[in-house]
Amino acid sequence: GVGPKVAIAILSELSPERIALAVAGGDFKTLTRASGVGPK
C-alpha cells in the first residue's frame, strides 16, 4: 500500500529520524500528517 509517491510524501513531511522514532514508539498518528496516509 506504500508506493514511491506515498513514501516521498511521508519523507517530505517527516525526517527519517522522526519516522523511525514514531515507529519505535508506536505513534502512527504522526505518519498521518503526510498526504495520502490515513490511519489504517
PDB file of all heavy atoms in Angstrom:
ATOM      1  N   GLY A   1       0.793  -1.229   0.000  1.00  0.00           N
ATOM      2  CA  GLY A   1       0.000   0.000   0.000  1.00  0.00           C
ATOM      3  C   GLY A   1       0.819   1.270   0.000  1.00  0.00           C
ATOM      4  O   GLY A   1       0.270   2.362  -0.115  1.00  0.00           O
ATOM      5  N   VAL A   2       2.138   1.123   0.132  1.00  0.00           N
ATOM      6  CA  VAL A   2       3.014   2.301   0.129  1.00  0.00           C
ATOM      7  C   VAL A   2       3.853   2.292  -1.149  1.00  0.00           C
ATOM      8  O   VAL A   2       4.840   1.574  -1.249  1.00  0.00           O
ATOM      9  CB  VAL A   2       3.945   2.333   1.356  1.00  0.00           C
ATOM     10  CG1 VAL A   2       4.819   3.594   1.323  1.00  0.00           C
ATOM     11  CG2 VAL A   2       3.138   2.292   2.638  1.00  0.00           C
ATOM     12  N   GLY A   3       3.452   3.080  -2.122  1.00  0.00           N
ATOM     13  CA  GLY A   3       4.219   3.210  -3.356  1.00  0.00           C
ATOM     14  C   GLY A   3       5.233   4.334  -3.227  1.00  0.00           C
ATOM     15  O   GLY A   3       5.289   5.030  -2.204  1.00  0.00           O
ATOM     16  N   PRO A   4       6.041   4.537  -4.267  1.00  0.00           N
ATOM     17  CA  PRO A   4       7.044   5.602  -4.235  1.00  0.00           C
ATOM     18  C   PRO A   4       6.482   6.987  -3.938  1.00  0.00           C
ATOM     19  O   PRO A   4       7.077   7.757  -3.190  1.00  0.00           O
ATOM     20  CB  PRO A   4       7.654   5.546  -5.638  1.00  0.00           C
ATOM     21  CG  PRO A   4       7.473   4.132  -6.071  1.00  0.00           C
ATOM     22  CD  PRO A   4       6.146   3.732  -5.497  1.00  0.00           C
ATOM     23  N   LYS A   5       5.315   7.305  -4.502  1.00  0.00           N
ATOM     24  CA  LYS A   5       4.744   8.634  -4.290  1.00  0.00           C
ATOM     25  C   LYS A   5       4.354   8.850  -2.828  1.00  0.00           C
ATOM     26  O   LYS A   5       4.559   9.932  -2.266  1.00  0.00           O
ATOM     27  CB  LYS A   5       3.519   8.847  -5.198  1.00  0.00           C
ATOM     28  CG  LYS A   5       3.883   9.009  -6.667  1.00  0.00           C
ATOM     29  CD  LYS A   5       2.655   9.304  -7.507  1.00  0.00           C
ATOM     30  CE  LYS A   5       3.023   9.503  -8.975  1.00  0.00           C
ATOM     31  NZ  LYS A   5       1.827   9.783  -9.816  1.00  0.00           N
ATOM     32  N   VAL A   6       3.788   7.831  -2.220  1.00  0.00           N
ATOM     33  CA  VAL A   6       3.398   7.938  -0.814  1.00  0.00           C
ATOM     34  C   VAL A   6       4.635   8.030   0.069  1.00  0.00           C
ATOM     35  O   VAL A   6       4.695   8.814   1.019  1.00  0.00           O
ATOM     36  CB  VAL A   6       2.522   6.740  -0.383  1.00  0.00           C
ATOM     37  CG1 VAL A   6       2.282   6.756   1.123  1.00  0.00           C
ATOM     38  CG2 VAL A   6       1.191   6.780  -1.121  1.00  0.00           C
ATOM     39  N   ALA A   7       5.652   7.227  -0.268  1.00  0.00           N
ATOM     40  CA  ALA A   7       6.898   7.260   0.503  1.00  0.00           C
ATOM     41  C   ALA A   7       7.553   8.637   0.429  1.00  0.00           C
ATOM     42  O   ALA A   7       8.049   9.162   1.434  1.00  0.00           O
ATOM     43  CB  ALA A   7       7.859   6.189  -0.002  1.00  0.00           C
ATOM     44  N   ILE A   8       7.540   9.229  -0.770  1.00  0.00           N
ATOM     45  CA  ILE A   8       8.097  10.574  -0.936  1.00  0.00           C
ATOM     46  C   ILE A   8       7.288  11.587  -0.128  1.00  0.00           C
ATOM     47  O   ILE A   8       7.847  12.501   0.499  1.00  0.00           O
ATOM     48  CB  ILE A   8       8.106  10.974  -2.430  1.00  0.00           C
ATOM     49  CG1 ILE A   8       9.186  10.189  -3.188  1.00  0.00           C
ATOM     50  CG2 ILE A   8       8.329  12.474  -2.602  1.00  0.00           C
ATOM     51  CD1 ILE A   8      10.612  10.562  -2.822  1.00  0.00           C
ATOM     52  N   ALA A   9       5.969  11.432  -0.106  1.00  0.00           N
ATOM     53  CA  ALA A   9       5.111  12.341   0.660  1.00  0.00           C
ATOM     54  C   ALA A   9       5.423  12.241   2.154  1.00  0.00           C
ATOM     55  O   ALA A   9       5.481  13.263   2.853  1.00  0.00           O
ATOM     56  CB  ALA A   9       3.642  12.005   0.408  1.00  0.00           C
ATOM     57  N   ILE A  10       5.642  11.030   2.634  1.00  0.00           N
ATOM     58  CA  ILE A  10       5.958  10.833   4.058  1.00  0.00           C
ATOM     59  C   ILE A  10       7.304  11.468   4.384  1.00  0.00           C
ATOM     60  O   ILE A  10       7.455  12.186   5.376  1.00  0.00           O
ATOM     61  CB  ILE A  10       5.977   9.331   4.407  1.00  0.00           C
ATOM     62  CG1 ILE A  10       4.576   8.727   4.271  1.00  0.00           C
ATOM     63  CG2 ILE A  10       6.494   9.123   5.836  1.00  0.00           C
ATOM     64  CD1 ILE A  10       4.526   7.224   4.412  1.00  0.00           C
ATOM     65  N   LEU A  11       8.288  11.224   3.528  1.00  0.00           N
ATOM     66  CA  LEU A  11       9.629  11.759   3.778  1.00  0.00           C
ATOM     67  C   LEU A  11       9.710  13.262   3.520  1.00  0.00           C
ATOM     68  O   LEU A  11      10.672  13.907   3.948  1.00  0.00           O
ATOM     69  CB  LEU A  11      10.653  11.015   2.908  1.00  0.00           C
ATOM     70  CG  LEU A  11      11.010   9.605   3.414  1.00  0.00           C
ATOM     71  CD1 LEU A  11      11.686   8.795   2.325  1.00  0.00           C
ATOM     72  CD2 LEU A  11      11.893   9.701   4.650  1.00  0.00           C
ATOM     73  N   SER A  12       8.746  13.806   2.836  1.00  0.00           N
ATOM     74  CA  SER A  12       8.699  15.258   2.658  1.00  0.00           C
ATOM     75  C   SER A  12       8.142  15.927   3.907  1.00  0.00           C
ATOM     76  O   SER A  12       8.475  17.071   4.213  1.00  0.00           O
ATOM     77  CB  SER A  12       7.831  15.624   1.446  1.00  0.00           C
ATOM     78  OG  SER A  12       8.482  15.271   0.241  1.00  0.00           O
ATOM     79  N   GLU A  13       7.290  15.209   4.610  1.00  0.00           N
ATOM     80  CA  GLU A  13       6.670  15.736   5.831  1.00  0.00           C
ATOM     81  C   GLU A  13       7.510  15.466   7.072  1.00  0.00           C
ATOM     82  O   GLU A  13       7.579  16.287   7.986  1.00  0.00           O
ATOM     83  CB  GLU A  13       5.274  15.109   6.013  1.00  0.00           C
ATOM     84  CG  GLU A  13       4.488  15.644   7.188  1.00  0.00           C
ATOM     85  CD  GLU A  13       4.095  17.098   7.013  1.00  0.00           C
ATOM     86  OE1 GLU A  13       3.821  17.509   5.861  1.00  0.00           O
ATOM     87  OE2 GLU A  13       4.062  17.826   8.024  1.00  0.00           O
ATOM     88  N   LEU A  14       8.177  14.291   7.092  1.00  0.00           N
ATOM     89  CA  LEU A  14       8.925  13.857   8.277  1.00  0.00           C
ATOM     90  C   LEU A  14      10.334  13.418   7.896  1.00  0.00           C
ATOM     91  O   LEU A  14      10.534  12.798   6.855  1.00  0.00           O
ATOM     92  CB  LEU A  14       8.211  12.682   8.958  1.00  0.00           C
ATOM     93  CG  LEU A  14       6.756  12.910   9.391  1.00  0.00           C
ATOM     94  CD1 LEU A  14       6.101  11.572   9.708  1.00  0.00           C
ATOM     95  CD2 LEU A  14       6.700  13.835  10.590  1.00  0.00           C
ATOM     96  N   SER A  15      11.282  13.711   8.740  1.00  0.00           N
ATOM     97  CA  SER A  15      12.655  13.245   8.505  1.00  0.00           C
ATOM     98  C   SER A  15      12.733  11.742   8.791  1.00  0.00           C
ATOM     99  O   SER A  15      11.880  11.202   9.522  1.00  0.00           O
ATOM    100  CB  SER A  15      13.628  13.983   9.431  1.00  0.00           C
ATOM    101  OG  SER A  15      13.397  13.607  10.777  1.00  0.00           O
ATOM    102  N   PRO A  16      13.727  11.039   8.238  1.00  0.00           N
ATOM    103  CA  PRO A  16      13.889   9.610   8.542  1.00  0.00           C
ATOM    104  C   PRO A  16      13.976   9.355  10.042  1.00  0.00           C
ATOM    105  O   PRO A  16      13.421   8.385  10.547  1.00  0.00           O
ATOM    106  CB  PRO A  16      15.189   9.249   7.835  1.00  0.00           C
ATOM    107  CG  PRO A  16      15.283  10.218   6.710  1.00  0.00           C
ATOM    108  CD  PRO A  16      14.710  11.497   7.253  1.00  0.00           C
ATOM    109  N   GLU A  17      14.666  10.244  10.742  1.00  0.00           N
ATOM    110  CA  GLU A  17      14.799  10.108  12.194  1.00  0.00           C
ATOM    111  C   GLU A  17      13.436  10.182  12.875  1.00  0.00           C
ATOM    112  O   GLU A  17      13.127   9.378  13.763  1.00  0.00           O
ATOM    113  CB  GLU A  17      15.704  11.212  12.733  1.00  0.00           C
ATOM    114  CG  GLU A  17      15.873  11.191  14.248  1.00  0.00           C
ATOM    115  CD  GLU A  17      16.658  12.398  14.748  1.00  0.00           C
ATOM    116  OE1 GLU A  17      17.136  13.193  13.922  1.00  0.00           O
ATOM    117  OE2 GLU A  17      16.782  12.538  15.967  1.00  0.00           O
ATOM    118  N   ARG A  18      12.610  11.126  12.447  1.00  0.00           N
ATOM    119  CA  ARG A  18      11.281  11.286  13.070  1.00  0.00           C
ATOM    120  C   ARG A  18      10.384  10.105  12.746  1.00  0.00           C
ATOM    121  O   ARG A  18       9.591   9.660  13.594  1.00  0.00           O
ATOM    122  CB  ARG A  18      10.636  12.587  12.569  1.00  0.00           C
ATOM    123  CG  ARG A  18       9.366  12.940  13.335  1.00  0.00           C
ATOM    124  CD  ARG A  18       9.684  13.304  14.771  1.00  0.00           C
ATOM    125  NE  ARG A  18       8.489  13.370  15.612  1.00  0.00           N
ATOM    126  CZ  ARG A  18       7.917  12.341  16.218  1.00  0.00           C
ATOM    127  NH1 ARG A  18       8.433  11.127  16.101  1.00  0.00           N
ATOM    128  NH2 ARG A  18       6.853  12.497  16.967  1.00  0.00           N
ATOM    129  N   ILE A  19      10.484   9.568  11.534  1.00  0.00           N
ATOM    130  CA  ILE A  19       9.705   8.384  11.162  1.00  0.00           C
ATOM    131  C   ILE A  19      10.116   7.196  12.028  1.00  0.00           C
ATOM    132  O   ILE A  19       9.276   6.460  12.560  1.00  0.00           O
ATOM    133  CB  ILE A  19       9.906   8.043   9.669  1.00  0.00           C
ATOM    134  CG1 ILE A  19       9.294   9.137   8.788  1.00  0.00           C
ATOM    135  CG2 ILE A  19       9.276   6.684   9.331  1.00  0.00           C
ATOM    136  CD1 ILE A  19       9.670   9.028   7.325  1.00  0.00           C
ATOM    137  N   ALA A  20      11.420   7.010  12.186  1.00  0.00           N
ATOM    138  CA  ALA A  20      11.927   5.898  12.989  1.00  0.00           C
ATOM    139  C   ALA A  20      11.461   6.018  14.437  1.00  0.00           C
ATOM    140  O   ALA A  20      11.078   5.019  15.059  1.00  0.00           O
ATOM    141  CB  ALA A  20      13.452   5.862  12.920  1.00  0.00           C
ATOM    142  N   LEU A  21      11.482   7.232  14.973  1.00  0.00           N
ATOM    143  CA  LEU A  21      11.031   7.449  16.339  1.00  0.00           C
ATOM    144  C   LEU A  21       9.535   7.166  16.476  1.00  0.00           C
ATOM    145  O   LEU A  21       9.088   6.600  17.472  1.00  0.00           O
ATOM    146  CB  LEU A  21      11.337   8.878  16.779  1.00  0.00           C
ATOM    147  CG  LEU A  21      12.811   9.208  17.016  1.00  0.00           C
ATOM    148  CD1 LEU A  21      12.990  10.710  17.222  1.00  0.00           C
ATOM    149  CD2 LEU A  21      13.353   8.445  18.210  1.00  0.00           C
ATOM    150  N   ALA A  22       8.759   7.570  15.473  1.00  0.00           N
ATOM    151  CA  ALA A  22       7.320   7.328  15.501  1.00  0.00           C
ATOM    152  C   ALA A  22       7.029   5.830  15.484  1.00  0.00           C
ATOM    153  O   ALA A  22       6.173   5.331  16.229  1.00  0.00           O
ATOM    154  CB  ALA A  22       6.646   8.008  14.305  1.00  0.00           C
ATOM    155  N   VAL A  23       7.743   5.103  14.642  1.00  0.00           N
ATOM    156  CA  VAL A  23       7.550   3.652  14.556  1.00  0.00           C
ATOM    157  C   VAL A  23       7.984   2.976  15.845  1.00  0.00           C
ATOM    158  O   VAL A  23       7.289   2.118  16.389  1.00  0.00           O
ATOM    159  CB  VAL A  23       8.328   3.072  13.354  1.00  0.00           C
ATOM    160  CG1 VAL A  23       8.283   1.546  13.379  1.00  0.00           C
ATOM    161  CG2 VAL A  23       7.739   3.579  12.046  1.00  0.00           C
ATOM    162  N   ALA A  24       9.151   3.369  16.350  1.00  0.00           N
ATOM    163  CA  ALA A  24       9.663   2.762  17.581  1.00  0.00           C
ATOM    164  C   ALA A  24       8.707   2.998  18.754  1.00  0.00           C
ATOM    165  O   ALA A  24       8.560   2.134  19.624  1.00  0.00           O
ATOM    166  CB  ALA A  24      11.044   3.326  17.907  1.00  0.00           C
ATOM    167  N   GLY A  25       8.049   4.165  18.756  1.00  0.00           N
ATOM    168  CA  GLY A  25       7.132   4.491  19.845  1.00  0.00           C
ATOM    169  C   GLY A  25       5.684   4.117  19.569  1.00  0.00           C
ATOM    170  O   GLY A  25       4.806   4.393  20.390  1.00  0.00           O
ATOM    171  N   GLY A  26       5.412   3.511  18.408  1.00  0.00           N
ATOM    172  CA  GLY A  26       4.045   3.126  18.062  1.00  0.00           C
ATOM    173  C   GLY A  26       3.136   4.312  17.778  1.00  0.00           C
ATOM    174  O   GLY A  26       1.915   4.216  17.868  1.00  0.00           O
ATOM    175  N   ASP A  27       3.727   5.439  17.403  1.00  0.00           N
ATOM    176  CA  ASP A  27       2.978   6.679  17.171  1.00  0.00           C
ATOM    177  C   ASP A  27       2.547   6.774  15.705  1.00  0.00           C
ATOM    178  O   ASP A  27       3.158   7.490  14.907  1.00  0.00           O
ATOM    179  CB  ASP A  27       3.857   7.867  17.570  1.00  0.00           C
ATOM    180  CG  ASP A  27       3.180   9.213  17.325  1.00  0.00           C
ATOM    181  OD1 ASP A  27       1.941   9.235  17.169  1.00  0.00           O
ATOM    182  OD2 ASP A  27       3.899  10.226  17.282  1.00  0.00           O
ATOM    183  N   PHE A  28       1.475   6.081  15.352  1.00  0.00           N
ATOM    184  CA  PHE A  28       1.028   6.072  13.958  1.00  0.00           C
ATOM    185  C   PHE A  28       0.400   7.401  13.553  1.00  0.00           C
ATOM    186  O   PHE A  28       0.382   7.764  12.376  1.00  0.00           O
ATOM    187  CB  PHE A  28       0.052   4.911  13.708  1.00  0.00           C
ATOM    188  CG  PHE A  28      -1.317   5.102  14.278  1.00  0.00           C
ATOM    189  CD1 PHE A  28      -2.324   5.720  13.549  1.00  0.00           C
ATOM    190  CD2 PHE A  28      -1.615   4.669  15.569  1.00  0.00           C
ATOM    191  CE1 PHE A  28      -3.590   5.899  14.067  1.00  0.00           C
ATOM    192  CE2 PHE A  28      -2.880   4.842  16.096  1.00  0.00           C
ATOM    193  CZ  PHE A  28      -3.865   5.457  15.351  1.00  0.00           C
ATOM    194  N   LYS A  29      -0.123   8.155  14.528  1.00  0.00           N
ATOM    195  CA  LYS A  29      -0.797   9.417  14.205  1.00  0.00           C
ATOM    196  C   LYS A  29       0.159  10.419  13.556  1.00  0.00           C
ATOM    197  O   LYS A  29      -0.252  11.217  12.716  1.00  0.00           O
ATOM    198  CB  LYS A  29      -1.413  10.010  15.472  1.00  0.00           C
ATOM    199  CG  LYS A  29      -2.619   9.229  15.982  1.00  0.00           C
ATOM    200  CD  LYS A  29      -3.260   9.913  17.174  1.00  0.00           C
ATOM    201  CE  LYS A  29      -4.472   9.131  17.653  1.00  0.00           C
ATOM    202  NZ  LYS A  29      -5.105   9.781  18.846  1.00  0.00           N
ATOM    203  N   THR A  30       1.424  10.379  13.952  1.00  0.00           N
ATOM    204  CA  THR A  30       2.398  11.297  13.349  1.00  0.00           C
ATOM    205  C   THR A  30       2.507  11.066  11.852  1.00  0.00           C
ATOM    206  O   THR A  30       2.668  12.012  11.070  1.00  0.00           O
ATOM    207  CB  THR A  30       3.785  11.097  14.010  1.00  0.00           C
ATOM    208  OG1 THR A  30       3.703  11.549  15.365  1.00  0.00           O
ATOM    209  CG2 THR A  30       4.857  11.907  13.297  1.00  0.00           C
ATOM    210  N   LEU A  31       2.420   9.817  11.419  1.00  0.00           N
ATOM    211  CA  LEU A  31       2.553   9.488   9.995  1.00  0.00           C
ATOM    212  C   LEU A  31       1.374   9.995   9.176  1.00  0.00           C
ATOM    213  O   LEU A  31       1.508  10.220   7.968  1.00  0.00           O
ATOM    214  CB  LEU A  31       2.691   7.971   9.811  1.00  0.00           C
ATOM    215  CG  LEU A  31       3.903   7.313  10.479  1.00  0.00           C
ATOM    216  CD1 LEU A  31       3.887   5.805  10.255  1.00  0.00           C
ATOM    217  CD2 LEU A  31       5.206   7.904   9.951  1.00  0.00           C
ATOM    218  N   THR A  32       0.227  10.184   9.812  1.00  0.00           N
ATOM    219  CA  THR A  32      -0.953  10.655   9.070  1.00  0.00           C
ATOM    220  C   THR A  32      -0.829  12.123   8.657  1.00  0.00           C
ATOM    221  O   THR A  32      -1.666  12.631   7.916  1.00  0.00           O
ATOM    222  CB  THR A  32      -2.244  10.478   9.902  1.00  0.00           C
ATOM    223  OG1 THR A  32      -2.158  11.255  11.108  1.00  0.00           O
ATOM    224  CG2 THR A  32      -2.459   9.017  10.269  1.00  0.00           C
ATOM    225  N   ARG A  33       0.226  12.799   9.121  1.00  0.00           N
ATOM    226  CA  ARG A  33       0.461  14.178   8.681  1.00  0.00           C
ATOM    227  C   ARG A  33       0.832  14.230   7.201  1.00  0.00           C
ATOM    228  O   ARG A  33       0.690  15.270   6.549  1.00  0.00           O
ATOM    229  CB  ARG A  33       1.580  14.799   9.513  1.00  0.00           C
ATOM    230  CG  ARG A  33       1.160  15.132  10.938  1.00  0.00           C
ATOM    231  CD  ARG A  33       2.326  15.332  11.873  1.00  0.00           C
ATOM    232  NE  ARG A  33       3.361  16.206  11.340  1.00  0.00           N
ATOM    233  CZ  ARG A  33       4.516  16.450  11.958  1.00  0.00           C
ATOM    234  NH1 ARG A  33       4.779  15.863  13.113  1.00  0.00           N
ATOM    235  NH2 ARG A  33       5.404  17.258  11.425  1.00  0.00           N
ATOM    236  N   ALA A  34       1.318  13.121   6.666  1.00  0.00           N
ATOM    237  CA  ALA A  34       1.729  13.076   5.253  1.00  0.00           C
ATOM    238  C   ALA A  34       0.516  12.905   4.347  1.00  0.00           C
ATOM    239  O   ALA A  34      -0.431  12.182   4.673  1.00  0.00           O
ATOM    240  CB  ALA A  34       2.704  11.931   5.033  1.00  0.00           C
ATOM    241  N   SER A  35       0.547  13.570   3.208  1.00  0.00           N
ATOM    242  CA  SER A  35      -0.541  13.480   2.239  1.00  0.00           C
ATOM    243  C   SER A  35      -0.705  12.048   1.743  1.00  0.00           C
ATOM    244  O   SER A  35       0.263  11.392   1.378  1.00  0.00           O
ATOM    245  CB  SER A  35      -0.245  14.407   1.051  1.00  0.00           C
ATOM    246  OG  SER A  35      -1.221  14.273   0.050  1.00  0.00           O
ATOM    247  N   GLY A  36      -1.943  11.556   1.755  1.00  0.00           N
ATOM    248  CA  GLY A  36      -2.220  10.212   1.254  1.00  0.00           C
ATOM    249  C   GLY A  36      -2.071   9.109   2.274  1.00  0.00           C
ATOM    250  O   GLY A  36      -2.231   7.931   1.940  1.00  0.00           O
ATOM    251  N   VAL A  37      -1.771   9.461   3.515  1.00  0.00           N
ATOM    252  CA  VAL A  37      -1.595   8.448   4.564  1.00  0.00           C
ATOM    253  C   VAL A  37      -2.720   8.573   5.586  1.00  0.00           C
ATOM    254  O   VAL A  37      -2.758   9.519   6.375  1.00  0.00           O
ATOM    255  CB  VAL A  37      -0.231   8.593   5.276  1.00  0.00           C
ATOM    256  CG1 VAL A  37      -0.079   7.525   6.354  1.00  0.00           C
ATOM    257  CG2 VAL A  37       0.899   8.493   4.271  1.00  0.00           C
ATOM    258  N   GLY A  38      -3.639   7.605   5.547  1.00  0.00           N
ATOM    259  CA  GLY A  38      -4.731   7.581   6.514  1.00  0.00           C
ATOM    260  C   GLY A  38      -4.349   6.750   7.734  1.00  0.00           C
ATOM    261  O   GLY A  38      -3.284   6.130   7.769  1.00  0.00           O
ATOM    262  N   PRO A  39      -5.215   6.703   8.739  1.00  0.00           N
ATOM    263  CA  PRO A  39      -4.915   5.954   9.971  1.00  0.00           C
ATOM    264  C   PRO A  39      -4.601   4.471   9.738  1.00  0.00           C
ATOM    265  O   PRO A  39      -3.684   3.931  10.348  1.00  0.00           O
ATOM    266  CB  PRO A  39      -6.203   6.126  10.796  1.00  0.00           C
ATOM    267  CG  PRO A  39      -6.797   7.408  10.308  1.00  0.00           C
ATOM    268  CD  PRO A  39      -6.490   7.438   8.836  1.00  0.00           C
ATOM    269  N   LYS A  40      -5.355   3.818   8.859  1.00  0.00           N
ATOM    270  CA  LYS A  40      -5.129   2.386   8.634  1.00  0.00           C
ATOM    271  C   LYS A  40      -3.763   2.123   8.012  1.00  0.00           C
ATOM    272  O   LYS A  40      -3.046   1.208   8.424  1.00  0.00           O
ATOM    273  CB  LYS A  40      -6.235   1.817   7.730  1.00  0.00           C
ATOM    274  CG  LYS A  40      -7.585   1.693   8.410  1.00  0.00           C
ATOM    275  CD  LYS A  40      -8.600   1.006   7.515  1.00  0.00           C
ATOM    276  CE  LYS A  40      -9.937   0.851   8.227  1.00  0.00           C
ATOM    277  NZ  LYS A  40     -10.958   0.182   7.348  1.00  0.00           N
TER     278      LYS A  40
END
